[in-house]
């Protein structure tokens, strides 16, 4: 039984992948496959975390690996709207300063030259 759901759409030249539910080791490989396929098609990715209630360290590793893949192709993987436990884990691991993280999905379009962390 999958505990995470996702949807994909285009937004301002980015592929937006919205995650919802709980993302852990059980679903990390299937989410990585979707993210990696998206990065292969368009290396400019936003992962919308607004509806994600939980993420574990294994899943954070997936985001990091796909971010590296996107960067090698001239793009980036950006994070939008982490709240609650998701935001807390990003803080605790120090990844809040590694990823480009924003409070909402609309912020990347407002920042010329790419995203910078707003946290």
N, C-alpha and C. Protein backbone atom coordinates (compact mmCIF):
# COMPACT_ATOMS: atom_id res chain seq x y z
N UNK A 1 0.84 -1.19 0.00
CA UNK A 1 0.00 0.00 0.00
C UNK A 1 0.88 1.25 0.00
N UNK A 2 0.67 2.12 -0.94
CA UNK A 2 1.45 3.34 -1.04
C UNK A 2 0.97 4.36 -0.01
N UNK A 3 1.93 5.00 0.64
CA UNK A 3 1.58 6.03 1.61
C UNK A 3 1.84 7.43 1.09
N UNK A 4 2.40 7.51 -0.11
CA UNK A 4 2.66 8.80 -0.73
C UNK A 4 1.96 8.83 -2.08
N UNK A 5 1.46 10.00 -2.41
CA UNK A 5 0.89 10.22 -3.72
C UNK A 5 1.63 11.37 -4.37
N UNK A 6 1.53 11.45 -5.68
CA UNK A 6 2.18 12.56 -6.36
C UNK A 6 1.41 12.95 -7.60
N UNK A 7 1.61 14.19 -7.98
CA UNK A 7 1.06 14.69 -9.23
C UNK A 7 2.14 15.53 -9.89
N UNK A 8 2.07 15.61 -11.21
CA UNK A 8 3.08 16.32 -11.98
C UNK A 8 2.40 17.33 -12.89
N UNK A 9 3.02 18.51 -13.01
CA UNK A 9 2.51 19.53 -13.91
C UNK A 9 3.64 20.46 -14.30
N UNK A 10 3.40 21.30 -15.29
CA UNK A 10 4.35 22.32 -15.71
C UNK A 10 3.99 23.65 -15.05
N UNK A 11 5.01 24.42 -14.71
CA UNK A 11 4.78 25.73 -14.09
C UNK A 11 5.99 26.62 -14.35
N UNK A 12 5.82 27.63 -15.16
CA UNK A 12 6.88 28.60 -15.40
C UNK A 12 8.21 28.02 -15.85
N UNK A 13 8.17 27.01 -16.71
CA UNK A 13 9.40 26.41 -17.21
C UNK A 13 9.95 25.30 -16.32
N UNK A 14 9.29 25.04 -15.22
CA UNK A 14 9.69 23.97 -14.29
C UNK A 14 8.71 22.80 -14.40
N UNK A 15 9.18 21.63 -14.05
CA UNK A 15 8.31 20.49 -13.80
C UNK A 15 8.04 20.52 -12.31
N UNK A 16 6.77 20.59 -11.93
CA UNK A 16 6.41 20.59 -10.52
C UNK A 16 5.87 19.22 -10.16
N UNK A 17 6.48 18.63 -9.17
CA UNK A 17 6.03 17.34 -8.65
C UNK A 17 5.54 17.59 -7.23
N UNK A 18 4.24 17.47 -7.05
CA UNK A 18 3.63 17.68 -5.74
C UNK A 18 3.50 16.34 -5.03
N UNK A 19 4.04 16.26 -3.83
CA UNK A 19 3.97 15.05 -3.03
C UNK A 19 2.94 15.25 -1.93
N UNK A 20 2.21 14.19 -1.61
CA UNK A 20 1.28 14.27 -0.49
C UNK A 20 1.25 12.95 0.25
N UNK A 21 0.99 13.04 1.54
CA UNK A 21 0.98 11.85 2.39
C UNK A 21 2.29 11.72 3.13
N UNK A 22 2.80 10.50 3.20
CA UNK A 22 4.04 10.21 3.92
C UNK A 22 5.03 9.52 2.97
N UNK A 23 6.23 10.06 2.92
CA UNK A 23 7.28 9.52 2.05
C UNK A 23 8.38 8.93 2.90
N UNK A 24 8.54 7.62 2.80
CA UNK A 24 9.58 6.94 3.56
C UNK A 24 10.27 5.91 2.68
N UNK A 25 11.05 5.07 3.30
CA UNK A 25 11.86 4.09 2.57
C UNK A 25 11.02 3.17 1.69
N UNK A 26 9.78 2.93 2.09
CA UNK A 26 8.91 2.03 1.33
C UNK A 26 8.63 2.58 -0.07
N UNK A 27 8.40 3.88 -0.17
CA UNK A 27 8.03 4.51 -1.45
C UNK A 27 9.17 5.29 -2.10
N UNK A 28 10.32 5.38 -1.43
CA UNK A 28 11.40 6.24 -1.92
C UNK A 28 11.86 5.85 -3.32
N UNK A 29 12.00 4.57 -3.61
CA UNK A 29 12.51 4.17 -4.93
C UNK A 29 11.53 4.50 -6.05
N UNK A 30 10.23 4.33 -5.80
CA UNK A 30 9.26 4.66 -6.85
C UNK A 30 9.19 6.17 -7.08
N UNK A 31 9.31 6.96 -6.02
CA UNK A 31 9.33 8.42 -6.18
C UNK A 31 10.62 8.84 -6.88
N UNK A 32 11.73 8.18 -6.57
CA UNK A 32 12.98 8.50 -7.25
C UNK A 32 12.87 8.24 -8.74
N UNK A 33 12.20 7.16 -9.13
CA UNK A 33 12.03 6.85 -10.55
C UNK A 33 11.26 7.96 -11.25
N UNK A 34 10.20 8.47 -10.62
CA UNK A 34 9.41 9.55 -11.21
C UNK A 34 10.24 10.82 -11.30
N UNK A 35 10.95 11.15 -10.22
CA UNK A 35 11.78 12.36 -10.22
C UNK A 35 12.92 12.27 -11.23
N UNK A 36 13.55 11.12 -11.31
CA UNK A 36 14.66 10.94 -12.27
C UNK A 36 14.16 11.04 -13.70
N UNK A 37 13.00 10.48 -13.98
CA UNK A 37 12.43 10.59 -15.33
C UNK A 37 12.09 12.04 -15.65
N UNK A 38 11.57 12.76 -14.67
CA UNK A 38 11.26 14.18 -14.88
C UNK A 38 12.54 14.95 -15.14
N UNK A 39 13.60 14.67 -14.37
CA UNK A 39 14.87 15.37 -14.54
C UNK A 39 15.50 15.07 -15.90
N UNK A 40 15.28 13.88 -16.41
CA UNK A 40 15.81 13.53 -17.73
C UNK A 40 15.12 14.33 -18.82
N UNK A 41 13.84 14.65 -18.62
CA UNK A 41 13.09 15.42 -19.61
C UNK A 41 13.25 16.92 -19.46
N UNK A 42 13.32 17.39 -18.24
CA UNK A 42 13.47 18.81 -17.93
C UNK A 42 14.18 18.90 -16.59
N UNK A 43 15.45 19.32 -16.57
CA UNK A 43 16.20 19.31 -15.31
C UNK A 43 15.82 20.43 -14.34
N UNK A 44 14.81 21.22 -14.68
CA UNK A 44 14.33 22.28 -13.78
C UNK A 44 13.10 21.74 -13.06
N UNK A 45 13.30 21.33 -11.80
CA UNK A 45 12.25 20.65 -11.05
C UNK A 45 11.96 21.39 -9.75
N UNK A 46 10.69 21.49 -9.45
CA UNK A 46 10.24 21.96 -8.14
C UNK A 46 9.49 20.81 -7.49
N UNK A 47 9.88 20.46 -6.27
CA UNK A 47 9.15 19.46 -5.51
C UNK A 47 8.29 20.23 -4.51
N UNK A 48 6.99 20.17 -4.70
CA UNK A 48 6.03 20.86 -3.84
C UNK A 48 5.74 19.95 -2.64
N UNK A 49 6.13 20.40 -1.46
CA UNK A 49 6.01 19.61 -0.24
C UNK A 49 4.84 20.04 0.63
N UNK A 50 4.00 20.94 0.15
CA UNK A 50 2.94 21.52 0.98
C UNK A 50 2.02 20.47 1.60
N UNK A 51 1.72 19.41 0.88
CA UNK A 51 0.80 18.39 1.39
C UNK A 51 1.51 17.15 1.90
N UNK A 52 2.85 17.21 1.98
CA UNK A 52 3.60 16.08 2.51
C UNK A 52 3.63 16.19 4.03
N UNK A 53 3.17 15.16 4.71
CA UNK A 53 3.06 15.18 6.16
C UNK A 53 4.30 14.63 6.85
N UNK A 54 5.07 13.78 6.16
CA UNK A 54 6.24 13.14 6.76
C UNK A 54 7.22 12.77 5.66
N UNK A 55 8.51 12.85 5.99
CA UNK A 55 9.56 12.37 5.11
C UNK A 55 10.66 11.79 5.99
N UNK A 56 11.27 10.70 5.56
CA UNK A 56 12.38 10.13 6.34
C UNK A 56 13.70 10.45 5.65
N UNK A 57 14.79 10.06 6.30
CA UNK A 57 16.12 10.37 5.79
C UNK A 57 16.41 9.67 4.46
N UNK A 58 15.87 8.48 4.28
CA UNK A 58 16.06 7.77 3.02
C UNK A 58 15.45 8.58 1.87
N UNK A 59 14.28 9.12 2.08
CA UNK A 59 13.62 9.92 1.06
C UNK A 59 14.35 11.23 0.82
N UNK A 60 14.93 11.81 1.87
CA UNK A 60 15.75 13.01 1.68
C UNK A 60 16.96 12.69 0.80
N UNK A 61 17.51 11.51 0.97
CA UNK A 61 18.62 11.09 0.13
C UNK A 61 18.22 11.01 -1.33
N UNK A 62 17.01 10.54 -1.59
CA UNK A 62 16.48 10.49 -2.95
C UNK A 62 16.43 11.89 -3.54
N UNK A 63 15.92 12.84 -2.78
CA UNK A 63 15.86 14.22 -3.27
C UNK A 63 17.26 14.75 -3.59
N UNK A 64 18.22 14.42 -2.75
CA UNK A 64 19.60 14.85 -2.99
C UNK A 64 20.20 14.24 -4.24
N UNK A 65 19.93 12.96 -4.48
CA UNK A 65 20.47 12.30 -5.67
C UNK A 65 19.85 12.86 -6.94
N UNK A 66 18.56 13.11 -6.92
CA UNK A 66 17.91 13.66 -8.11
C UNK A 66 18.34 15.12 -8.31
N UNK A 67 18.57 15.84 -7.23
CA UNK A 67 19.08 17.21 -7.34
C UNK A 67 20.42 17.20 -8.06
N UNK A 68 21.29 16.27 -7.71
CA UNK A 68 22.59 16.17 -8.37
C UNK A 68 22.44 15.84 -9.85
N UNK A 69 21.53 14.93 -10.17
CA UNK A 69 21.26 14.58 -11.57
C UNK A 69 20.78 15.81 -12.34
N UNK A 70 19.87 16.56 -11.75
CA UNK A 70 19.35 17.76 -12.41
C UNK A 70 20.45 18.79 -12.61
N UNK A 71 21.29 18.97 -11.61
CA UNK A 71 22.39 19.94 -11.73
C UNK A 71 23.39 19.54 -12.80
N UNK A 72 23.66 18.25 -12.94
CA UNK A 72 24.58 17.79 -13.98
C UNK A 72 24.02 18.05 -15.37
N UNK A 73 22.70 18.19 -15.47
CA UNK A 73 22.06 18.48 -16.75
C UNK A 73 21.77 19.96 -16.93
N UNK A 74 22.31 20.80 -16.06
CA UNK A 74 22.14 22.24 -16.19
C UNK A 74 20.91 22.80 -15.49
N UNK A 75 20.24 22.03 -14.67
CA UNK A 75 19.06 22.50 -13.95
C UNK A 75 19.27 22.46 -12.46
N UNK A 76 18.20 22.23 -11.73
CA UNK A 76 18.25 22.12 -10.28
C UNK A 76 16.96 21.50 -9.79
N UNK A 77 16.98 20.98 -8.58
CA UNK A 77 15.78 20.50 -7.91
C UNK A 77 15.56 21.43 -6.73
N UNK A 78 14.42 22.09 -6.73
CA UNK A 78 14.08 23.07 -5.72
C UNK A 78 12.94 22.55 -4.86
N UNK A 79 12.88 22.97 -3.61
CA UNK A 79 11.84 22.54 -2.70
C UNK A 79 10.92 23.70 -2.36
N UNK A 80 9.61 23.44 -2.38
CA UNK A 80 8.63 24.48 -2.05
C UNK A 80 7.73 24.01 -0.92
N UNK A 81 7.46 24.90 -0.01
CA UNK A 81 6.43 24.78 1.02
C UNK A 81 6.57 23.59 1.97
N UNK A 82 7.77 23.37 2.53
CA UNK A 82 7.86 22.32 3.55
C UNK A 82 7.27 22.83 4.87
N UNK A 83 6.42 22.04 5.48
CA UNK A 83 5.78 22.42 6.74
C UNK A 83 5.93 21.30 7.76
N UNK A 84 5.69 21.61 9.00
CA UNK A 84 5.63 20.63 10.07
C UNK A 84 6.85 19.74 10.14
N UNK A 85 6.63 18.42 10.24
CA UNK A 85 7.75 17.48 10.39
C UNK A 85 8.71 17.48 9.20
N UNK A 86 8.22 17.78 8.02
CA UNK A 86 9.09 17.83 6.84
C UNK A 86 10.09 18.97 6.99
N UNK A 87 9.60 20.12 7.36
CA UNK A 87 10.47 21.29 7.60
C UNK A 87 11.44 21.01 8.75
N UNK A 88 10.94 20.37 9.78
CA UNK A 88 11.77 20.06 10.94
C UNK A 88 12.94 19.14 10.55
N UNK A 89 12.69 18.12 9.76
CA UNK A 89 13.76 17.21 9.35
C UNK A 89 14.78 17.93 8.46
N UNK A 90 14.31 18.81 7.59
CA UNK A 90 15.24 19.60 6.78
C UNK A 90 16.13 20.46 7.68
N UNK A 91 15.55 21.04 8.72
CA UNK A 91 16.32 21.83 9.68
C UNK A 91 17.32 20.97 10.44
N UNK A 92 16.84 19.85 10.99
CA UNK A 92 17.69 18.99 11.82
C UNK A 92 18.87 18.40 11.05
N UNK A 93 18.67 18.09 9.79
CA UNK A 93 19.73 17.51 8.98
C UNK A 93 20.66 18.56 8.37
N UNK A 94 20.29 19.82 8.49
CA UNK A 94 21.08 20.88 7.88
C UNK A 94 20.83 21.06 6.40
N UNK A 95 19.89 20.30 5.85
CA UNK A 95 19.62 20.38 4.41
C UNK A 95 18.82 21.60 4.02
N UNK A 96 18.25 22.29 4.99
CA UNK A 96 17.51 23.51 4.69
C UNK A 96 18.44 24.55 4.04
N UNK A 97 19.73 24.47 4.36
CA UNK A 97 20.70 25.38 3.78
C UNK A 97 21.39 24.83 2.54
N UNK A 98 21.15 23.57 2.22
CA UNK A 98 21.75 22.94 1.05
C UNK A 98 20.83 23.06 -0.16
N UNK A 99 19.58 22.69 0.04
CA UNK A 99 18.58 22.83 -1.02
C UNK A 99 18.13 24.28 -1.12
N UNK A 100 17.66 24.65 -2.28
CA UNK A 100 16.98 25.92 -2.44
C UNK A 100 15.54 25.70 -1.99
N UNK A 101 15.16 26.30 -0.87
CA UNK A 101 13.87 26.03 -0.23
C UNK A 101 13.08 27.33 -0.12
N UNK A 102 11.78 27.24 -0.44
CA UNK A 102 10.92 28.41 -0.40
C UNK A 102 9.61 28.12 0.31
N UNK A 103 9.05 29.17 0.87
CA UNK A 103 7.82 29.03 1.66
C UNK A 103 6.61 28.70 0.80
N UNK A 104 6.66 29.06 -0.48
CA UNK A 104 5.50 28.77 -1.35
C UNK A 104 5.98 28.44 -2.75
N UNK A 105 5.08 27.89 -3.53
CA UNK A 105 5.39 27.53 -4.90
C UNK A 105 5.59 28.76 -5.78
N UNK A 106 4.98 29.87 -5.46
CA UNK A 106 5.04 31.06 -6.29
C UNK A 106 6.36 31.81 -6.19
N UNK A 107 7.16 31.57 -5.20
CA UNK A 107 8.38 32.33 -5.00
C UNK A 107 9.45 32.18 -6.08
N UNK A 108 9.61 31.04 -6.75
CA UNK A 108 10.72 30.97 -7.71
C UNK A 108 10.57 31.94 -8.86
N UNK A 109 9.36 32.19 -9.27
CA UNK A 109 9.15 33.10 -10.39
C UNK A 109 9.42 34.55 -9.99
N UNK A 110 9.43 34.84 -8.71
CA UNK A 110 9.64 36.21 -8.24
C UNK A 110 11.11 36.54 -8.06
N UNK A 111 11.99 35.54 -8.12
CA UNK A 111 13.42 35.75 -7.87
C UNK A 111 14.19 35.64 -9.16
N UNK A 112 14.71 36.75 -9.64
CA UNK A 112 15.47 36.74 -10.88
C UNK A 112 16.74 35.93 -10.70
N UNK A 113 17.08 35.15 -11.71
CA UNK A 113 18.32 34.40 -11.68
C UNK A 113 18.26 33.12 -10.86
N UNK A 114 17.07 32.70 -10.49
CA UNK A 114 16.96 31.43 -9.75
C UNK A 114 16.52 31.63 -8.32
N UNK A 115 16.31 30.54 -7.66
CA UNK A 115 15.84 30.55 -6.27
C UNK A 115 16.97 30.71 -5.30
N UNK A 116 16.68 31.35 -4.22
CA UNK A 116 17.55 31.39 -3.05
C UNK A 116 16.64 31.02 -1.88
N UNK A 117 17.21 30.43 -0.87
CA UNK A 117 16.40 30.00 0.26
C UNK A 117 15.75 31.19 0.95
N UNK A 118 14.47 31.04 1.29
CA UNK A 118 13.77 32.11 1.98
C UNK A 118 13.59 31.78 3.45
N UNK A 119 14.19 30.69 3.91
CA UNK A 119 14.10 30.32 5.32
C UNK A 119 15.34 30.75 6.05
